Structures are given as structure tokens and as C-alpha cells.
Amino acid sequence: MGEQQVRLVLLAGGQGRRMWPLSHSKRAKQLLPLLPGPSGEKESLLNRLWRQLDQVGLQQDTFITISHNQAETLRNQLSISLNVIQEPETKGSYPAVALAASYLYSVASIPLHETVAVLPADLYVEEEDWFETLKELPEQLRRHQLNRAVTSDESGIIVFRLESVISALTEEGFPIQYEQLFRRYEELYSRLEDRMIGLFEESPTFRMPEQPFCRINSWNALAAAFPENASIYNDSAAPVIMMGLSNITVAVSSAGILIADQAACIPDEQARIISKEQPPLVPGYEAGRWGNAVVISSLSREDGQQAITRKLEVVDGGFLSYAFYLKRKIVWTVLSGVGELIRNEKRSMIKTGEVVELLPGDRHTVMARSGLTLLEAHIGTDLTEDDRIVLGNHGEEVHTAI
């Protein structure tokens, strides 16, 4: 049976620890626009990888695995036609490998004899020729009669014939259908991790080409790779000025402020403490195909009342999700532009200077007829993600749900 082209899986999830406070549960570090792009704009690590894979003809055979609450940001950066493998939550690399294998087998119908290479999405490579070597992996496995291998050069790449992981799942009694494994992911993840570690820990090793690469997985790694890069990263609505200082990284968002020597990194223990702390009620910055939002203020009173104010920029033709809240009230003040408001299936136009009050239970969305800027206030006692019920996302899904 002949070998086909290599299938790639980019591990793009993350819990937002190492590049706190800009990364968070809805935007992993590899989605942050921190790198200089080809035309002078900022691009993310994942955007750069995606562009490089296109240049070597591997993009169409690449799948991206990411936490479900980061999928919208991913699609906004890259394409709506991505091969996206959603995780119910980020639980580590090896459980993600198992879930990706089940998706390739049961959803994408990839033959069991084909070769899969799993790459970390925080991989930074200068030359696209480095990726050409990935095309040779199926032949390398065939020549050396291997079913799996791992890299020995800290690039973090795992290679396997799809059959080896699917067989391991079957032997342990795990479901191999993606939908079933997805639903039981939290229940099974520790067993999945143990089984996958056992599968790969004694695997043969191989080295990728001797070309410079690095893993940009922390602020100090970013500074080392781009010493001339900007040293202020600001997700807040307030300006930040640094004077008379050098070799300093400053990162600002509603979650906190980091000021650090460029050679320093957040210790693992501190990262764990940060991850256990109460997260912001609303991420400081969000982006999607609809536009972007930034938190301006967040208030909490002793009686439990909370208020969060955001500024939303909705692009021309962009839809917000069609959703409702169970316990909170939303107040929109239109700062500029014109939009079509849909509230409880009734349509009306809103324009600059108007105020819209949405009560708990009101099903709502807005479509920008021109660039629309909204000042959005969330008011209530339970401003958590669980309070929001999404009926449809953007475009056709919104139209179907209305």
C-alpha cells in the first residue's frame, strides 16, 4: 500500500500562562499578533506558520487543534475554511494528539497507513525549506520500518502512522469516534495522557534539518528571537509610555501588568498561581470575524453587583453572535455608525447617539451596516461565561437561528 503525503496537525491550544497577561483562555500565546509580518503589520506565530506551510504546498493537508473557546479567534486570523479540530478544553499535548488522531480517522477519513506529524504552533523557523523535510517523513518511517518517532532536537515534533495511535486507543478501550471522545474528554484525559506518554516515551528519535529554529513560548523567548522588536505590548485602552529604560518587557491588559527584564521568564510556580487565580470576568481583548472588543473598566461592589464596560468595533457587514444572557442586563450606546438590531426576532435600525437596553432573556444580535462602534455595559451579579447562551454564530448560522 503506497504512502500518501504527510498530514500535519498544529497544536494551537494553550492556557495563557507563559505570556500573561495578554494571553488568556480565549487567545493562546500563538494567536497573539507579536511578530513583524511580511508587509510591516503584526502577525501571530500561528499566522506565520500557516503562511509558510502554504509556500511549501502543505497547507491543504494541515489540521489545527485548538480549544473550542479559541476557535473564533483562530478563524478570524486565518480562514473560515480551516481544518479545525476543537478540544472541549486544553488538557496538554498528548491528550490533544489522541483527540486529533480520532478526528483524522473518524471525521476526515484519513487512511490508517498514512503518516501524521504533530507540530507545536509556537515553532518559529526562518526558512521555508525547513518544512520541505516534513514531506520526507512518510518515506523515513517506511525505510526504517517505524510506526512512530519523536524529535531529539527540542522542536517538539511527533510523527506516527495513524494506525499506531488508533490501535493504542482501541487497546485501552477508548472511543475512537471523535464525537464520543470529545464528549468524554474531561473524564478520560488523564488516562489518555498516560497512554500516549507510554506510547511515545520509548519511541525512536530523529532530528530535523540543521537550520535555526526556536520555540517562542514565553516573553523572554520572544525577546531573544527579536531583540529589536517593540518592548511594550498593550491590550488596554490606556496609552503606555516607557522612558529611559532598555531591555525591559512591558505587557498590559485588564488581567494585569507585567514589567520584566527581557531575559526573565515567569517561573512555573508563579504561572500555576496565576492560572488558579480568579480570571477576569471578560477577557481584556477579543477579536473575531465580526471585529474586536477591548475592556475599558470593570467594577465590583460589596453587594455583589458588577459592571463591565467594553468598546466594540464591528466591521462593515459583521454580525455579533445571536445570543441571550440569563442574569445580566446589556446597555449599548452607539458611538458611531449604523447597524441593524435584531431583538427577539424583531428588526430595527440603530445609529450614532442611540441607546439600546437588552434585558435578561432578550435574544439579540446586531449587524453593522457601516463600521459600527458600540460602548457596551454588562450589569448584573453573575458576569461569567456560563451566563451567556449562544443560539448562532456569524453569517448563515445567525440567519438560521433567527
Protein backbone atom coordinates (compact mmCIF):
# COMPACT_ATOMS: atom_id res chain seq x y z
CA MET A 1 0.00 0.00 0.00
CA GLY A 2 1.64 3.25 -1.10
CA GLU A 3 2.34 6.14 1.22
CA GLN A 4 0.48 9.40 0.71
CA GLN A 5 1.57 12.91 1.63
CA VAL A 6 2.20 13.69 5.27
CA ARG A 7 -0.73 15.10 7.24
CA LEU A 8 0.17 17.87 9.67
CA VAL A 9 -1.50 18.75 12.96
CA LEU A 10 -0.64 22.07 14.62
CA LEU A 11 -1.19 22.10 18.39
CA ALA A 12 -2.57 25.60 18.90
CA GLY A 13 -4.26 25.38 22.28
CA GLY A 14 -2.90 26.81 25.50
CA GLN A 15 -3.95 28.11 28.88
CA GLY A 16 -2.35 31.54 28.62
CA ARG A 17 0.21 31.16 31.40
CA ARG A 18 3.63 31.95 29.93
CA MET A 19 2.64 35.13 28.09
CA TRP A 20 0.35 36.50 30.75
CA PRO A 21 -1.37 38.98 30.87
CA LEU A 22 -2.02 39.18 27.09
CA SER A 23 -2.76 35.51 26.56
CA HIS A 24 -5.87 34.06 28.16
CA SER A 25 -8.38 31.26 27.77
CA LYS A 26 -9.75 32.72 24.52
CA ARG A 27 -6.41 33.68 22.99
CA ALA A 28 -3.38 31.41 23.39
CA LYS A 29 0.13 32.77 23.00
CA GLN A 30 0.45 31.59 19.40
CA LEU A 31 -2.57 33.75 18.47
CA LEU A 32 -1.05 36.98 19.79
CA PRO A 33 -0.03 39.41 16.99
CA LEU A 34 3.54 39.93 18.22
CA LEU A 35 5.80 39.19 15.23
CA PRO A 36 6.78 41.53 12.39
CA GLY A 37 4.83 40.44 9.30
CA PRO A 38 5.93 40.50 5.65
CA SER A 39 4.25 43.85 4.93
CA GLY A 40 5.15 45.57 8.18
CA GLU A 41 1.96 44.57 10.01
CA LYS A 42 1.99 42.44 13.14
CA GLU A 43 1.21 38.74 12.79
CA SER A 44 0.91 35.82 15.17
CA LEU A 45 3.12 32.74 15.35
CA LEU A 46 0.27 30.65 14.01
CA ASN A 47 -0.37 33.09 11.16
CA ARG A 48 3.31 32.92 10.20
CA LEU A 49 3.34 29.11 10.31
CA TRP A 50 0.19 28.96 8.19
CA ARG A 51 1.72 31.27 5.59
CA GLN A 52 4.96 29.26 5.46
CA LEU A 53 3.09 25.98 5.02
CA ASP A 54 1.22 27.49 2.09
CA GLN A 55 4.52 28.44 0.45
CA VAL A 56 5.71 24.82 0.53
CA GLY A 57 2.35 23.34 -0.53
CA LEU A 58 1.43 21.75 2.83
CA GLN A 59 -1.41 24.00 3.92
CA GLN A 60 -4.23 21.92 2.43
CA ASP A 61 -3.09 18.85 4.38
CA THR A 62 -2.78 20.68 7.70
CA PHE A 63 -5.23 20.46 10.60
CA ILE A 64 -5.24 22.76 13.61
CA THR A 65 -6.28 21.58 17.06
CA ILE A 66 -7.43 24.28 19.44
CA SER A 67 -9.71 24.79 22.42
CA HIS A 68 -13.31 25.42 21.34
CA ASN A 69 -13.36 28.86 23.00
CA GLN A 70 -10.39 29.99 20.90
CA ALA A 71 -11.71 28.72 17.56
CA GLU A 72 -13.35 32.03 16.60
CA THR A 73 -10.11 33.97 17.09
CA LEU A 74 -8.30 31.34 15.03
CA ARG A 75 -10.74 31.56 12.14
CA ASN A 76 -10.57 35.34 12.23
CA GLN A 77 -6.80 35.27 11.80
CA LEU A 78 -6.52 32.61 9.13
CA SER A 79 -9.51 31.35 7.14
CA ILE A 80 -13.08 30.18 7.52
CA SER A 81 -12.22 27.01 5.57
CA LEU A 82 -9.65 25.66 8.02
CA ASN A 83 -9.48 22.05 9.07
CA VAL A 84 -10.13 22.79 12.76
CA ILE A 85 -10.13 20.09 15.43
CA GLN A 86 -11.80 21.53 18.51
CA GLU A 87 -10.89 20.43 22.03
CA PRO A 88 -13.51 20.84 24.79
CA GLU A 89 -10.69 22.29 26.88
CA THR A 90 -6.91 22.42 26.84
CA LYS A 91 -5.54 19.42 28.71
CA GLY A 92 -1.99 19.07 27.38
CA SER A 93 -0.21 17.93 24.23
CA TYR A 94 -0.66 14.17 24.45
CA PRO A 95 -4.44 14.12 25.01
CA ALA A 96 -4.66 16.57 22.09
CA VAL A 97 -2.69 14.11 19.92
CA ALA A 98 -5.18 11.36 20.78
CA LEU A 99 -8.19 13.56 20.02
CA ALA A 100 -6.62 14.72 16.74
CA ALA A 101 -5.98 11.12 15.68
CA SER A 102 -9.63 10.22 16.32
CA TYR A 103 -10.71 13.21 14.22
CA LEU A 104 -8.41 12.32 11.32
CA TYR A 105 -9.68 8.74 11.35
CA SER A 106 -13.41 9.15 12.00
CA VAL A 107 -14.20 12.59 10.55
CA ALA A 108 -11.55 13.37 7.91
CA SER A 109 -11.38 9.69 6.79
CA ILE A 110 -7.60 9.67 6.61
CA PRO A 111 -6.35 6.13 5.82
CA LEU A 112 -4.74 4.34 8.75
CA HIS A 113 -1.47 3.74 6.90
CA GLU A 114 -0.80 7.45 6.35
CA THR A 115 1.76 9.47 8.30
CA VAL A 116 0.82 12.24 10.71
CA ALA A 117 3.27 14.85 12.01
CA VAL A 118 2.21 16.89 15.05
CA LEU A 119 3.91 20.29 15.42
CA PRO A 120 3.70 22.83 18.24
CA ALA A 121 2.21 26.07 16.94
CA ASP A 122 4.81 28.15 18.81
CA LEU A 123 7.55 26.88 16.49
CA TYR A 124 9.49 29.69 14.77
CA VAL A 125 11.54 28.82 11.68
CA GLU A 126 13.31 31.34 9.46
CA GLU A 127 13.43 29.42 6.18
CA GLU A 128 10.54 27.63 4.49
CA ASP A 129 12.98 24.94 3.26
CA TRP A 130 12.87 23.53 6.79
CA PHE A 131 9.27 22.50 6.19
CA GLU A 132 10.14 20.69 2.96
CA THR A 133 11.71 18.00 5.12
CA LEU A 134 8.29 17.21 6.57
CA LYS A 135 7.31 15.79 3.19
CA GLU A 136 10.02 13.16 3.56
CA LEU A 137 8.70 11.79 6.87
CA PRO A 138 6.45 9.06 5.37
CA GLU A 139 9.41 7.66 3.46
CA GLN A 140 11.63 7.86 6.55
CA LEU A 141 9.16 5.81 8.57
CA ARG A 142 8.82 3.27 5.74
CA ARG A 143 12.58 2.98 5.22
CA HIS A 144 13.29 2.42 8.91
CA GLN A 145 10.17 0.29 9.44
CA LEU A 146 8.85 2.59 12.17
CA ASN A 147 5.31 3.26 13.31
CA ARG A 148 6.19 6.36 15.30
CA ALA A 149 9.07 8.64 16.26
CA VAL A 150 9.80 11.86 18.15
CA THR A 151 12.35 14.58 17.56
CA SER A 152 15.53 14.75 19.60
CA ASP A 153 16.23 18.44 18.95
CA GLU A 154 13.53 20.10 21.13
CA SER A 155 11.43 21.06 18.11
CA GLY A 156 8.59 19.14 19.77
CA ILE A 157 7.52 17.24 16.66
CA ILE A 158 5.83 13.83 16.97
CA VAL A 159 5.46 11.57 13.92
CA PHE A 160 3.32 8.44 13.68
CA ARG A 161 1.35 6.26 11.36
CA LEU A 162 -2.28 6.98 12.15
CA GLU A 163 -2.87 3.28 12.79
CA SER A 164 -0.46 3.25 15.76
CA VAL A 165 -2.45 5.79 17.79
CA ILE A 166 -5.87 4.46 16.80
CA SER A 167 -4.75 0.96 17.77
CA ALA A 168 -3.47 2.22 21.12
CA LEU A 169 -6.84 3.87 21.82
CA THR A 170 -8.69 0.70 20.88
CA GLU A 171 -6.47 -1.49 23.08
CA GLU A 172 -7.20 0.74 26.09
CA GLY A 173 -10.94 0.76 25.44
CA PHE A 174 -11.12 4.44 24.47
CA PRO A 175 -13.70 5.57 21.91
CA ILE A 176 -12.10 6.21 18.51
CA GLN A 177 -15.00 8.23 17.13
CA TYR A 178 -14.18 11.91 17.53
CA GLU A 179 -17.62 12.95 18.80
CA GLN A 180 -17.58 10.28 21.51
CA LEU A 181 -14.03 11.04 22.63
CA PHE A 182 -14.85 14.78 22.64
CA ARG A 183 -17.79 14.26 24.98
CA ARG A 184 -15.72 12.13 27.36
CA TYR A 185 -12.52 14.19 27.11
CA GLU A 186 -12.54 15.58 30.65
CA GLU A 187 -13.38 12.18 32.08
CA LEU A 188 -10.62 10.40 30.14
CA TYR A 189 -7.86 12.97 29.73
CA SER A 190 -5.54 11.68 32.47
CA ARG A 191 -5.79 8.13 31.09
CA LEU A 192 -5.31 9.48 27.58
CA GLU A 193 -2.20 11.34 28.65
CA ASP A 194 -0.74 8.31 30.41
CA ARG A 195 -1.42 6.05 27.42
CA MET A 196 0.06 8.46 24.89
CA ILE A 197 3.15 9.14 27.02
CA GLY A 198 3.63 5.38 27.32
CA LEU A 199 3.26 5.04 23.57
CA PHE A 200 5.83 7.68 22.66
CA GLU A 201 8.31 7.79 25.55
CA GLU A 202 10.44 4.95 24.17
CA SER A 203 9.95 5.79 20.51
CA PRO A 204 12.95 6.14 18.17
CA THR A 205 14.16 9.70 17.72
CA PHE A 206 15.07 11.74 14.66
CA ARG A 207 16.44 15.22 14.00
CA MET A 208 15.05 17.88 11.73
CA PRO A 209 17.43 19.81 9.42
CA GLU A 210 20.24 21.79 10.98
CA GLN A 211 18.56 25.14 10.37
CA PRO A 212 17.89 27.70 13.08
CA PHE A 213 14.56 27.35 14.84
CA CYS A 214 13.20 28.27 18.24
CA ARG A 215 10.07 27.85 20.34
CA ILE A 216 8.54 31.22 21.19
CA ASN A 217 6.60 30.17 24.26
CA SER A 218 7.42 32.98 26.70
CA TRP A 219 8.21 36.69 26.81
CA ASN A 220 11.94 36.08 27.20
CA ALA A 221 11.94 33.68 24.23
CA LEU A 222 10.25 36.39 22.14
CA ALA A 223 12.83 38.97 23.25
CA ALA A 224 15.69 36.59 22.42
CA ALA A 225 14.32 35.90 18.93
CA PHE A 226 13.53 39.57 18.19
CA PRO A 227 15.83 41.81 20.26
CA GLU A 228 14.89 44.77 18.06
CA ASN A 229 11.15 44.19 18.48
CA ALA A 230 8.85 46.54 20.39
CA SER A 231 9.11 46.04 24.14
CA ILE A 232 5.62 47.33 25.03
CA TYR A 233 2.60 45.10 24.34
CA ASN A 234 -0.61 46.84 25.27
CA ASP A 235 -4.10 45.33 25.11
CA SER A 236 -5.67 48.03 27.25
CA ALA A 237 -7.46 51.19 26.17
CA ALA A 238 -4.94 53.37 28.03
CA PRO A 239 -1.63 54.52 26.48
CA VAL A 240 1.58 53.15 28.00
CA ILE A 241 4.85 55.11 27.73
CA MET A 242 8.27 53.80 28.76
CA MET A 243 11.13 56.30 29.08
CA GLY A 244 14.80 55.88 29.90
CA LEU A 245 14.67 52.08 30.17
CA SER A 246 16.09 49.31 28.00
CA ASN A 247 15.95 45.52 27.91
CA ILE A 248 12.53 45.65 29.56
CA THR A 249 9.32 43.93 28.51
CA VAL A 250 6.04 45.61 29.45
CA ALA A 251 2.73 43.81 28.81
CA VAL A 252 -0.57 45.39 29.82
CA SER A 253 -4.17 44.15 29.76
CA SER A 254 -7.22 44.20 32.02
CA ALA A 255 -5.89 40.98 33.61
CA GLY A 256 -2.77 42.69 34.95
CA ILE A 257 0.55 44.33 34.15
CA LEU A 258 3.88 42.60 33.58
CA ILE A 259 7.16 44.51 33.85
CA ALA A 260 10.18 42.25 33.44
CA ASP A 261 13.77 42.09 32.34
CA GLN A 262 13.82 40.68 28.82
CA ALA A 263 15.96 37.77 29.97
CA ALA A 264 13.50 36.78 32.70
CA CYS A 265 10.53 34.44 32.41
CA ILE A 266 7.54 33.75 34.62
CA PRO A 267 8.55 30.85 36.92
CA ASP A 268 6.46 27.70 36.60
CA GLU A 269 5.17 28.05 40.15
CA GLN A 270 4.10 31.65 39.54
CA ALA A 271 2.44 30.58 36.28
CA ARG A 272 0.44 27.95 38.15
CA ILE A 273 -0.61 30.50 40.76
CA ILE A 274 -1.77 32.88 38.04
CA SER A 275 -3.75 30.12 36.36
CA LYS A 276 -5.54 29.32 39.64
CA GLU A 277 -6.44 32.92 40.38
CA GLN A 278 -9.92 34.16 39.55
CA PRO A 279 -9.79 35.08 35.84
CA PRO A 280 -11.11 38.42 34.57
CA LEU A 281 -14.87 38.43 34.15
CA VAL A 282 -14.37 39.31 30.49
CA PRO A 283 -11.05 38.92 28.60
CA GLY A 284 -9.33 42.28 28.16
CA TYR A 285 -9.19 41.90 24.40
CA GLU A 286 -11.17 39.76 21.98
CA ALA A 287 -11.24 39.56 18.21
CA GLY A 288 -13.28 37.67 15.64
CA ARG A 289 -14.53 37.96 12.08
CA TRP A 290 -17.07 40.46 13.44
CA GLY A 291 -14.37 42.88 14.69
CA ASN A 292 -12.79 43.36 18.11
CA ALA A 293 -13.56 44.40 21.68
CA VAL A 294 -11.47 45.91 24.46
CA VAL A 295 -12.42 46.23 28.15
CA ILE A 296 -12.43 49.81 29.44
CA SER A 297 -13.47 49.27 33.06
CA SER A 298 -14.53 46.54 35.49
CA LEU A 299 -16.29 47.25 38.79
CA SER A 300 -17.47 45.03 41.65
CA ARG A 301 -19.44 46.19 44.70
CA GLU A 302 -19.77 44.58 48.12
CA ASP A 303 -23.43 43.77 47.46
CA GLY A 304 -22.41 41.56 44.51
CA GLN A 305 -23.32 43.98 41.73
CA GLN A 306 -20.80 44.01 38.89
CA ALA A 307 -20.34 46.20 35.84
CA ILE A 308 -18.04 45.74 32.87
CA THR A 309 -17.70 48.31 30.11
CA ARG A 310 -16.27 47.42 26.70
CA LYS A 311 -15.78 49.21 23.41
CA LEU A 312 -16.82 47.09 20.42
CA GLU A 313 -15.69 47.76 16.86
CA VAL A 314 -17.94 45.81 14.46
CA VAL A 315 -16.68 45.75 10.87
CA ASP A 316 -18.96 46.62 7.96
CA GLY A 317 -21.22 43.59 7.42
CA GLY A 318 -20.08 41.93 10.64
CA PHE A 319 -22.52 40.09 12.95
CA LEU A 320 -22.27 39.63 16.67
CA SER A 321 -23.33 36.18 17.86
CA TYR A 322 -27.08 35.70 18.19
CA ALA A 323 -27.34 35.07 21.93
CA PHE A 324 -29.03 35.95 25.19
CA TYR A 325 -27.96 36.30 28.81
CA LEU A 326 -29.69 34.65 31.73
CA LYS A 327 -28.99 37.14 34.52
CA ARG A 328 -27.39 40.30 33.22
CA LYS A 329 -28.56 43.46 31.51
CA ILE A 330 -26.68 44.85 28.50
CA VAL A 331 -26.69 48.52 27.52
CA TRP A 332 -25.35 49.55 24.11
CA THR A 333 -24.54 53.17 23.32
CA VAL A 334 -23.87 53.70 19.62
CA LEU A 335 -20.77 55.89 19.37
CA SER A 336 -20.59 55.85 15.56
CA GLY A 337 -22.00 54.08 12.54
CA VAL A 338 -25.28 52.40 11.63
CA GLY A 339 -26.40 48.86 12.41
CA GLU A 340 -29.41 46.56 12.17
CA LEU A 341 -30.52 45.39 15.60
CA ILE A 342 -32.33 42.06 15.87
CA ARG A 343 -34.01 41.62 19.26
CA ASN A 344 -36.39 38.72 19.86
CA GLU A 345 -36.68 38.25 16.08
CA LYS A 346 -37.74 41.89 15.55
CA ARG A 347 -35.58 44.15 13.40
CA SER A 348 -34.80 47.85 13.76
CA MET A 349 -32.05 50.28 12.79
CA ILE A 350 -29.73 51.90 15.32
CA LYS A 351 -27.39 54.82 14.68
CA THR A 352 -24.95 57.21 16.33
CA GLY A 353 -26.18 58.54 19.69
CA GLU A 354 -28.87 55.93 20.32
CA VAL A 355 -29.03 53.71 23.39
CA VAL A 356 -30.27 50.10 23.43
CA GLU A 357 -31.15 48.26 26.65
CA LEU A 358 -31.18 44.45 26.48
CA LEU A 359 -32.80 42.65 29.41
CA PRO A 360 -32.04 39.11 30.62
CA GLY A 361 -33.55 36.64 28.17
CA ASP A 362 -33.59 39.06 25.21
CA ARG A 363 -32.31 37.22 22.14
CA HIS A 364 -30.17 39.70 20.26
CA THR A 365 -27.54 40.44 17.66
CA VAL A 366 -26.52 43.42 15.56
CA MET A 367 -25.16 43.65 12.02
CA ALA A 368 -23.05 46.64 11.07
CA ARG A 369 -24.37 48.46 8.01
CA SER A 370 -21.29 50.63 8.22
CA GLY A 371 -18.37 50.43 10.61
CA LEU A 372 -20.16 50.32 13.97
CA THR A 373 -18.66 51.38 17.31
CA LEU A 374 -20.56 50.43 20.46
CA LEU A 375 -19.98 51.22 24.11
CA GLU A 376 -21.24 48.05 25.81
CA ALA A 377 -22.05 47.85 29.53
CA HIS A 378 -22.66 44.49 31.27
CA ILE A 379 -24.58 44.92 34.54
CA GLY A 380 -25.52 42.10 36.92
CA THR A 381 -24.39 39.77 39.70
CA ASP A 382 -23.13 36.83 37.61
CA LEU A 383 -20.98 38.13 34.77
CA THR A 384 -19.49 34.77 33.85
CA GLU A 385 -19.28 32.89 30.58
CA ASP A 386 -21.91 30.42 31.84
CA ASP A 387 -24.48 33.23 31.83
CA ARG A 388 -24.35 33.51 28.03
CA ILE A 389 -26.32 31.22 25.74
CA VAL A 390 -25.27 31.34 22.07
CA LEU A 391 -28.00 30.47 19.58
CA GLY A 392 -25.95 31.04 16.44
CA ASN A 393 -22.60 32.40 15.44
CA HIS A 394 -21.94 34.58 12.46
CA GLY A 395 -23.37 34.78 8.95
CA GLU A 396 -25.53 31.85 7.92
CA GLU A 397 -25.76 30.45 11.45
CA VAL A 398 -27.29 33.71 12.68
CA HIS A 399 -29.80 33.77 9.85
CA THR A 400 -30.77 30.17 10.57
CA ALA A 401 -31.24 30.81 14.30
CA ILE A 402 -33.38 33.93 13.88
